[in-house]
Amino acid sequence: MDGQHRRRFERLLRDLEVTIPTPFDPWEFCTNVAERRGRPIHVLRMDTTEAASCGLWLATHKADYVVVDEAAPSVLAGHIILHELAHMLLGHTGQIKLDAAALGFEVLDPAMVQRVLGRTSRYLTTEERDAEAYATVIKSFAARWSPVPRPRDGDAEHAAVIDRFSSALTGDRSWRR
């Protein structure tokens, strides 16, 4: 990802005006995005071994659903959430065209289902590369504003110094910078 793309994605994050959790937590960030959008986002842990990817986003009339492989370690699951949020925030759609009448959708709107179909775990399309880059920018942007972690084993004097630096560096955590 070049500097121009990074700056574009950082600008999009600032424009969202979403609170960054401290310390950063993808699940809490997802909740903050849902609140900002005024639309619930449900994260579901499921077995995706039969699917083409380890995560997906499905939009319905009333809510968004982010599916994450139940076997994914916490760090990977968090990144999958950010990747799927990136698709959502960038307004991505799938590549497969649906014949709604032939499929007989009763619960889901075919136009909404269209948003997820046709995406794969390979980053061959611009949408997939952009979602991956945006997810990475979210994590790196949040890391810049996270407090400095305290050492687990150290003396109290060193911990106090780190705490002072950390509180001085964190300041206002809004996206308005």
C-alpha atoms as a PDB file:
ATOM      1  CA  MET A   1       0.000   0.000   0.000  1.00  0.00           C
ATOM      2  CA  ASP A   2       1.416   3.342  -0.978  1.00  0.00           C
ATOM      3  CA  GLY A   3       1.298   6.551   1.060  1.00  0.00           C
ATOM      4  CA  GLN A   4      -1.585   7.972  -0.950  1.00  0.00           C
ATOM      5  CA  HIS A   5      -3.828   4.982  -0.138  1.00  0.00           C
ATOM      6  CA  ARG A   6      -2.789   5.068   3.532  1.00  0.00           C
ATOM      7  CA  ARG A   7      -3.653   8.785   3.793  1.00  0.00           C
ATOM      8  CA  ARG A   8      -6.994   8.203   2.042  1.00  0.00           C
ATOM      9  CA  PHE A   9      -7.936   5.424   4.478  1.00  0.00           C
ATOM     10  CA  GLU A  10      -6.818   7.477   7.490  1.00  0.00           C
ATOM     11  CA  ARG A  11      -8.952  10.379   6.236  1.00  0.00           C
ATOM     12  CA  LEU A  12     -11.947   8.028   5.905  1.00  0.00           C
ATOM     13  CA  LEU A  13     -11.413   6.904   9.506  1.00  0.00           C
ATOM     14  CA  ARG A  14     -11.274  10.469  10.763  1.00  0.00           C
ATOM     15  CA  ASP A  15     -14.435  11.303   8.824  1.00  0.00           C
ATOM     16  CA  LEU A  16     -16.249   8.441  10.603  1.00  0.00           C
ATOM     17  CA  GLU A  17     -15.671  10.133  13.956  1.00  0.00           C
ATOM     18  CA  VAL A  18     -15.718   6.774  15.725  1.00  0.00           C
ATOM     19  CA  THR A  19     -14.207   6.386  19.192  1.00  0.00           C
ATOM     20  CA  ILE A  20     -11.128   4.169  19.338  1.00  0.00           C
ATOM     21  CA  PRO A  21     -11.237   1.853  22.346  1.00  0.00           C
ATOM     22  CA  THR A  22      -8.264   1.976  24.720  1.00  0.00           C
ATOM     23  CA  PRO A  23      -6.613  -0.450  24.634  1.00  0.00           C
ATOM     24  CA  PHE A  24      -7.717  -1.208  21.098  1.00  0.00           C
ATOM     25  CA  ASP A  25     -10.269  -3.996  20.827  1.00  0.00           C
ATOM     26  CA  PRO A  26     -11.760  -4.945  17.423  1.00  0.00           C
ATOM     27  CA  TRP A  27     -15.032  -6.139  18.984  1.00  0.00           C
ATOM     28  CA  GLU A  28     -15.535  -2.866  20.859  1.00  0.00           C
ATOM     29  CA  PHE A  29     -14.512  -0.900  17.752  1.00  0.00           C
ATOM     30  CA  CYS A  30     -17.186  -2.855  15.838  1.00  0.00           C
ATOM     31  CA  THR A  31     -19.756  -1.811  18.456  1.00  0.00           C
ATOM     32  CA  ASN A  32     -18.652   1.822  18.114  1.00  0.00           C
ATOM     33  CA  VAL A  33     -18.989   1.649  14.314  1.00  0.00           C
ATOM     34  CA  ALA A  34     -22.490   0.167  14.697  1.00  0.00           C
ATOM     35  CA  GLU A  35     -23.516   2.980  17.034  1.00  0.00           C
ATOM     36  CA  ARG A  36     -22.123   5.598  14.667  1.00  0.00           C
ATOM     37  CA  ARG A  37     -23.943   4.073  11.688  1.00  0.00           C
ATOM     38  CA  GLY A  38     -27.174   3.647  13.693  1.00  0.00           C
ATOM     39  CA  ARG A  39     -27.373   0.017  12.624  1.00  0.00           C
ATOM     40  CA  PRO A  40     -26.557  -3.122  14.663  1.00  0.00           C
ATOM     41  CA  ILE A  41     -23.579  -5.265  13.710  1.00  0.00           C
ATOM     42  CA  HIS A  42     -23.612  -8.822  15.060  1.00  0.00           C
ATOM     43  CA  VAL A  43     -20.375 -10.804  15.140  1.00  0.00           C
ATOM     44  CA  LEU A  44     -21.018 -14.533  14.810  1.00  0.00           C
ATOM     45  CA  ARG A  45     -18.380 -17.207  15.432  1.00  0.00           C
ATOM     46  CA  MET A  46     -19.126 -20.147  13.105  1.00  0.00           C
ATOM     47  CA  ASP A  47     -17.394 -23.065  11.425  1.00  0.00           C
ATOM     48  CA  THR A  48     -16.362 -21.763   7.998  1.00  0.00           C
ATOM     49  CA  THR A  49     -14.232 -24.724   6.895  1.00  0.00           C
ATOM     50  CA  GLU A  50     -16.593 -25.357   3.963  1.00  0.00           C
ATOM     51  CA  ALA A  51     -16.584 -21.712   2.892  1.00  0.00           C
ATOM     52  CA  ALA A  52     -14.103 -20.019   0.572  1.00  0.00           C
ATOM     53  CA  SER A  53     -12.991 -17.613   3.299  1.00  0.00           C
ATOM     54  CA  CYS A  54     -12.596 -17.416   7.068  1.00  0.00           C
ATOM     55  CA  GLY A  55     -14.958 -14.449   7.353  1.00  0.00           C
ATOM     56  CA  LEU A  56     -17.781 -12.680   5.584  1.00  0.00           C
ATOM     57  CA  TRP A  57     -20.198  -9.802   5.912  1.00  0.00           C
ATOM     58  CA  LEU A  58     -23.920 -10.161   5.285  1.00  0.00           C
ATOM     59  CA  ALA A  59     -26.228  -7.127   5.239  1.00  0.00           C
ATOM     60  CA  THR A  60     -29.965  -7.458   5.885  1.00  0.00           C
ATOM     61  CA  HIS A  61     -32.693  -4.826   6.122  1.00  0.00           C
ATOM     62  CA  LYS A  62     -32.259  -4.453   9.878  1.00  0.00           C
ATOM     63  CA  ALA A  63     -28.673  -5.389  10.734  1.00  0.00           C
ATOM     64  CA  ASP A  64     -25.237  -6.388   9.512  1.00  0.00           C
ATOM     65  CA  TYR A  65     -23.679  -9.739  10.349  1.00  0.00           C
ATOM     66  CA  VAL A  66     -19.959 -10.421  10.400  1.00  0.00           C
ATOM     67  CA  VAL A  67     -19.136 -14.119  10.400  1.00  0.00           C
ATOM     68  CA  VAL A  68     -15.739 -15.152  11.773  1.00  0.00           C
ATOM     69  CA  ASP A  69     -14.345 -18.686  11.751  1.00  0.00           C
ATOM     70  CA  GLU A  70     -14.822 -20.155  15.213  1.00  0.00           C
ATOM     71  CA  ALA A  71     -11.371 -21.759  15.073  1.00  0.00           C
ATOM     72  CA  ALA A  72      -9.578 -18.492  14.315  1.00  0.00           C
ATOM     73  CA  PRO A  73      -7.270 -17.363  17.135  1.00  0.00           C
ATOM     74  CA  SER A  74      -8.311 -14.112  18.795  1.00  0.00           C
ATOM     75  CA  VAL A  75      -5.755 -11.977  16.923  1.00  0.00           C
ATOM     76  CA  LEU A  76      -6.847 -13.363  13.545  1.00  0.00           C
ATOM     77  CA  ALA A  77     -10.542 -13.104  14.469  1.00  0.00           C
ATOM     78  CA  GLY A  78     -10.027  -9.440  15.323  1.00  0.00           C
ATOM     79  CA  HIS A  79      -8.376  -8.805  11.965  1.00  0.00           C
ATOM     80  CA  ILE A  80     -11.191 -10.633  10.146  1.00  0.00           C
ATOM     81  CA  ILE A  81     -13.696  -8.345  11.892  1.00  0.00           C
ATOM     82  CA  LEU A  82     -11.740  -5.272  10.760  1.00  0.00           C
ATOM     83  CA  HIS A  83     -11.486  -6.632   7.201  1.00  0.00           C
ATOM     84  CA  GLU A  84     -15.251  -7.182   7.018  1.00  0.00           C
ATOM     85  CA  LEU A  85     -15.926  -3.782   8.609  1.00  0.00           C
ATOM     86  CA  ALA A  86     -13.692  -2.306   5.907  1.00  0.00           C
ATOM     87  CA  HIS A  87     -15.886  -3.879   3.194  1.00  0.00           C
ATOM     88  CA  MET A  88     -18.913  -2.401   4.942  1.00  0.00           C
ATOM     89  CA  LEU A  89     -17.436   1.074   5.376  1.00  0.00           C
ATOM     90  CA  LEU A  90     -16.140   1.168   1.812  1.00  0.00           C
ATOM     91  CA  GLY A  91     -19.568   0.131   0.433  1.00  0.00           C
ATOM     92  CA  HIS A  92     -18.259  -2.967  -1.335  1.00  0.00           C
ATOM     93  CA  THR A  93     -20.535  -5.420  -3.117  1.00  0.00           C
ATOM     94  CA  GLY A  94     -20.084  -8.963  -4.341  1.00  0.00           C
ATOM     95  CA  GLN A  95     -19.514  -9.969  -7.942  1.00  0.00           C
ATOM     96  CA  ILE A  96     -22.271 -12.567  -8.468  1.00  0.00           C
ATOM     97  CA  LYS A  97     -25.589 -11.418  -9.948  1.00  0.00           C
ATOM     98  CA  LEU A  98     -28.714 -12.912  -8.384  1.00  0.00           C
ATOM     99  CA  ASP A  99     -32.028 -13.915  -9.911  1.00  0.00           C
ATOM    100  CA  ALA A 100     -34.162 -13.085  -6.855  1.00  0.00           C
ATOM    101  CA  ALA A 101     -37.333 -14.695  -8.249  1.00  0.00           C
ATOM    102  CA  ALA A 102     -35.545 -17.981  -8.977  1.00  0.00           C
ATOM    103  CA  LEU A 103     -33.968 -18.063  -5.519  1.00  0.00           C
ATOM    104  CA  GLY A 104     -37.249 -17.315  -3.719  1.00  0.00           C
ATOM    105  CA  PHE A 105     -35.782 -15.182  -0.933  1.00  0.00           C
ATOM    106  CA  GLU A 106     -38.351 -14.719   1.794  1.00  0.00           C
ATOM    107  CA  VAL A 107     -36.293 -13.388   4.687  1.00  0.00           C
ATOM    108  CA  LEU A 108     -33.329 -11.684   3.032  1.00  0.00           C
ATOM    109  CA  ASP A 109     -33.427  -8.976   0.435  1.00  0.00           C
ATOM    110  CA  PRO A 110     -31.465 -10.230  -2.610  1.00  0.00           C
ATOM    111  CA  ALA A 111     -29.935  -6.772  -3.071  1.00  0.00           C
ATOM    112  CA  MET A 112     -28.526  -7.013   0.439  1.00  0.00           C
ATOM    113  CA  VAL A 113     -27.268 -10.559  -0.038  1.00  0.00           C
ATOM    114  CA  GLN A 114     -25.547  -9.326  -3.204  1.00  0.00           C
ATOM    115  CA  ARG A 115     -23.111  -7.401  -0.986  1.00  0.00           C
ATOM    116  CA  VAL A 116     -21.390 -10.583   0.165  1.00  0.00           C
ATOM    117  CA  LEU A 117     -21.550 -13.026  -2.721  1.00  0.00           C
ATOM    118  CA  GLY A 118     -18.640 -13.358  -5.051  1.00  0.00           C
ATOM    119  CA  ARG A 119     -15.929 -12.372  -2.581  1.00  0.00           C
ATOM    120  CA  THR A 120     -13.100 -14.786  -1.837  1.00  0.00           C
ATOM    121  CA  SER A 121     -10.286 -15.126   0.675  1.00  0.00           C
ATOM    122  CA  ARG A 122      -7.766 -14.357  -2.070  1.00  0.00           C
ATOM    123  CA  TYR A 123      -6.924 -10.703  -2.544  1.00  0.00           C
ATOM    124  CA  LEU A 124      -7.159 -10.699  -6.330  1.00  0.00           C
ATOM    125  CA  THR A 125      -9.738  -7.925  -6.642  1.00  0.00           C
ATOM    126  CA  THR A 126      -9.388  -4.244  -5.851  1.00  0.00           C
ATOM    127  CA  GLU A 127     -12.185  -4.557  -3.267  1.00  0.00           C
ATOM    128  CA  GLU A 128     -10.354  -7.308  -1.383  1.00  0.00           C
ATOM    129  CA  ARG A 129      -7.026  -5.483  -1.484  1.00  0.00           C
ATOM    130  CA  ASP A 130      -8.665  -2.246  -0.335  1.00  0.00           C
ATOM    131  CA  ALA A 131     -10.504  -3.994   2.517  1.00  0.00           C
ATOM    132  CA  GLU A 132      -7.278  -5.626   3.664  1.00  0.00           C
ATOM    133  CA  ALA A 133      -5.383  -2.336   3.439  1.00  0.00           C
ATOM    134  CA  TYR A 134      -8.143  -0.452   5.288  1.00  0.00           C
ATOM    135  CA  ALA A 135      -8.191  -3.076   8.071  1.00  0.00           C
ATOM    136  CA  THR A 136      -4.420  -2.743   8.399  1.00  0.00           C
ATOM    137  CA  VAL A 137      -4.671   1.056   8.563  1.00  0.00           C
ATOM    138  CA  ILE A 138      -7.325   0.815  11.297  1.00  0.00           C
ATOM    139  CA  LYS A 139      -4.998  -1.369  13.381  1.00  0.00           C
ATOM    140  CA  SER A 140      -1.897   0.751  12.805  1.00  0.00           C
ATOM    141  CA  PHE A 141      -3.785   4.020  13.361  1.00  0.00           C
ATOM    142  CA  ALA A 142      -5.214   2.691  16.623  1.00  0.00           C
ATOM    143  CA  ALA A 143      -1.792   1.416  17.735  1.00  0.00           C
ATOM    144  CA  ARG A 144      -0.347   4.918  17.398  1.00  0.00           C
ATOM    145  CA  TRP A 145      -2.891   6.220  19.904  1.00  0.00           C
ATOM    146  CA  SER A 146      -2.859   3.282  22.324  1.00  0.00           C
ATOM    147  CA  PRO A 147      -1.129   3.681  25.659  1.00  0.00           C
ATOM    148  CA  VAL A 148       2.341   2.269  26.116  1.00  0.00           C
ATOM    149  CA  PRO A 149       1.976  -1.199  27.674  1.00  0.00           C
ATOM    150  CA  ARG A 150       3.295  -1.599  31.211  1.00  0.00           C
ATOM    151  CA  PRO A 151       5.951  -4.216  31.846  1.00  0.00           C
ATOM    152  CA  ARG A 152       4.601  -7.211  33.722  1.00  0.00           C
ATOM    153  CA  ASP A 153       7.675  -7.729  35.808  1.00  0.00           C
ATOM    154  CA  GLY A 154       9.581  -4.624  36.792  1.00  0.00           C
ATOM    155  CA  ASP A 155       9.963  -2.323  39.676  1.00  0.00           C
ATOM    156  CA  ALA A 156       7.351   0.243  40.645  1.00  0.00           C
ATOM    157  CA  GLU A 157       9.590   3.176  39.724  1.00  0.00           C
ATOM    158  CA  HIS A 158       9.898   2.072  36.076  1.00  0.00           C
ATOM    159  CA  ALA A 159       6.179   1.327  35.901  1.00  0.00           C
ATOM    160  CA  ALA A 160       5.370   4.831  37.200  1.00  0.00           C
ATOM    161  CA  VAL A 161       7.563   6.452  34.541  1.00  0.00           C
ATOM    162  CA  ILE A 162       5.896   4.408  31.793  1.00  0.00           C
ATOM    163  CA  ASP A 163       2.452   5.321  33.155  1.00  0.00           C
ATOM    164  CA  ARG A 164       3.311   9.041  33.026  1.00  0.00           C
ATOM    165  CA  PHE A 165       4.573   8.759  29.435  1.00  0.00           C
ATOM    166  CA  SER A 166       1.558   6.707  28.448  1.00  0.00           C
ATOM    167  CA  SER A 167      -0.972   9.165  29.837  1.00  0.00           C
ATOM    168  CA  ALA A 168       0.881  12.063  28.192  1.00  0.00           C
ATOM    169  CA  LEU A 169       0.877  10.323  24.819  1.00  0.00           C
ATOM    170  CA  THR A 170      -2.734   9.099  24.717  1.00  0.00           C
ATOM    171  CA  GLY A 171      -4.618  12.381  25.212  1.00  0.00           C
ATOM    172  CA  ASP A 172      -7.779  12.846  23.145  1.00  0.00           C
ATOM    173  CA  ARG A 173      -8.582   9.629  21.291  1.00  0.00           C
ATOM    174  CA  SER A 174     -11.188  10.978  18.877  1.00  0.00           C
ATOM    175  CA  TRP A 175     -10.625  10.657  15.131  1.00  0.00           C
ATOM    176  CA  ARG A 176     -10.535  14.433  14.746  1.00  0.00           C
ATOM    177  CA  ARG A 177      -6.855  15.081  14.235  1.00  0.00           C
END
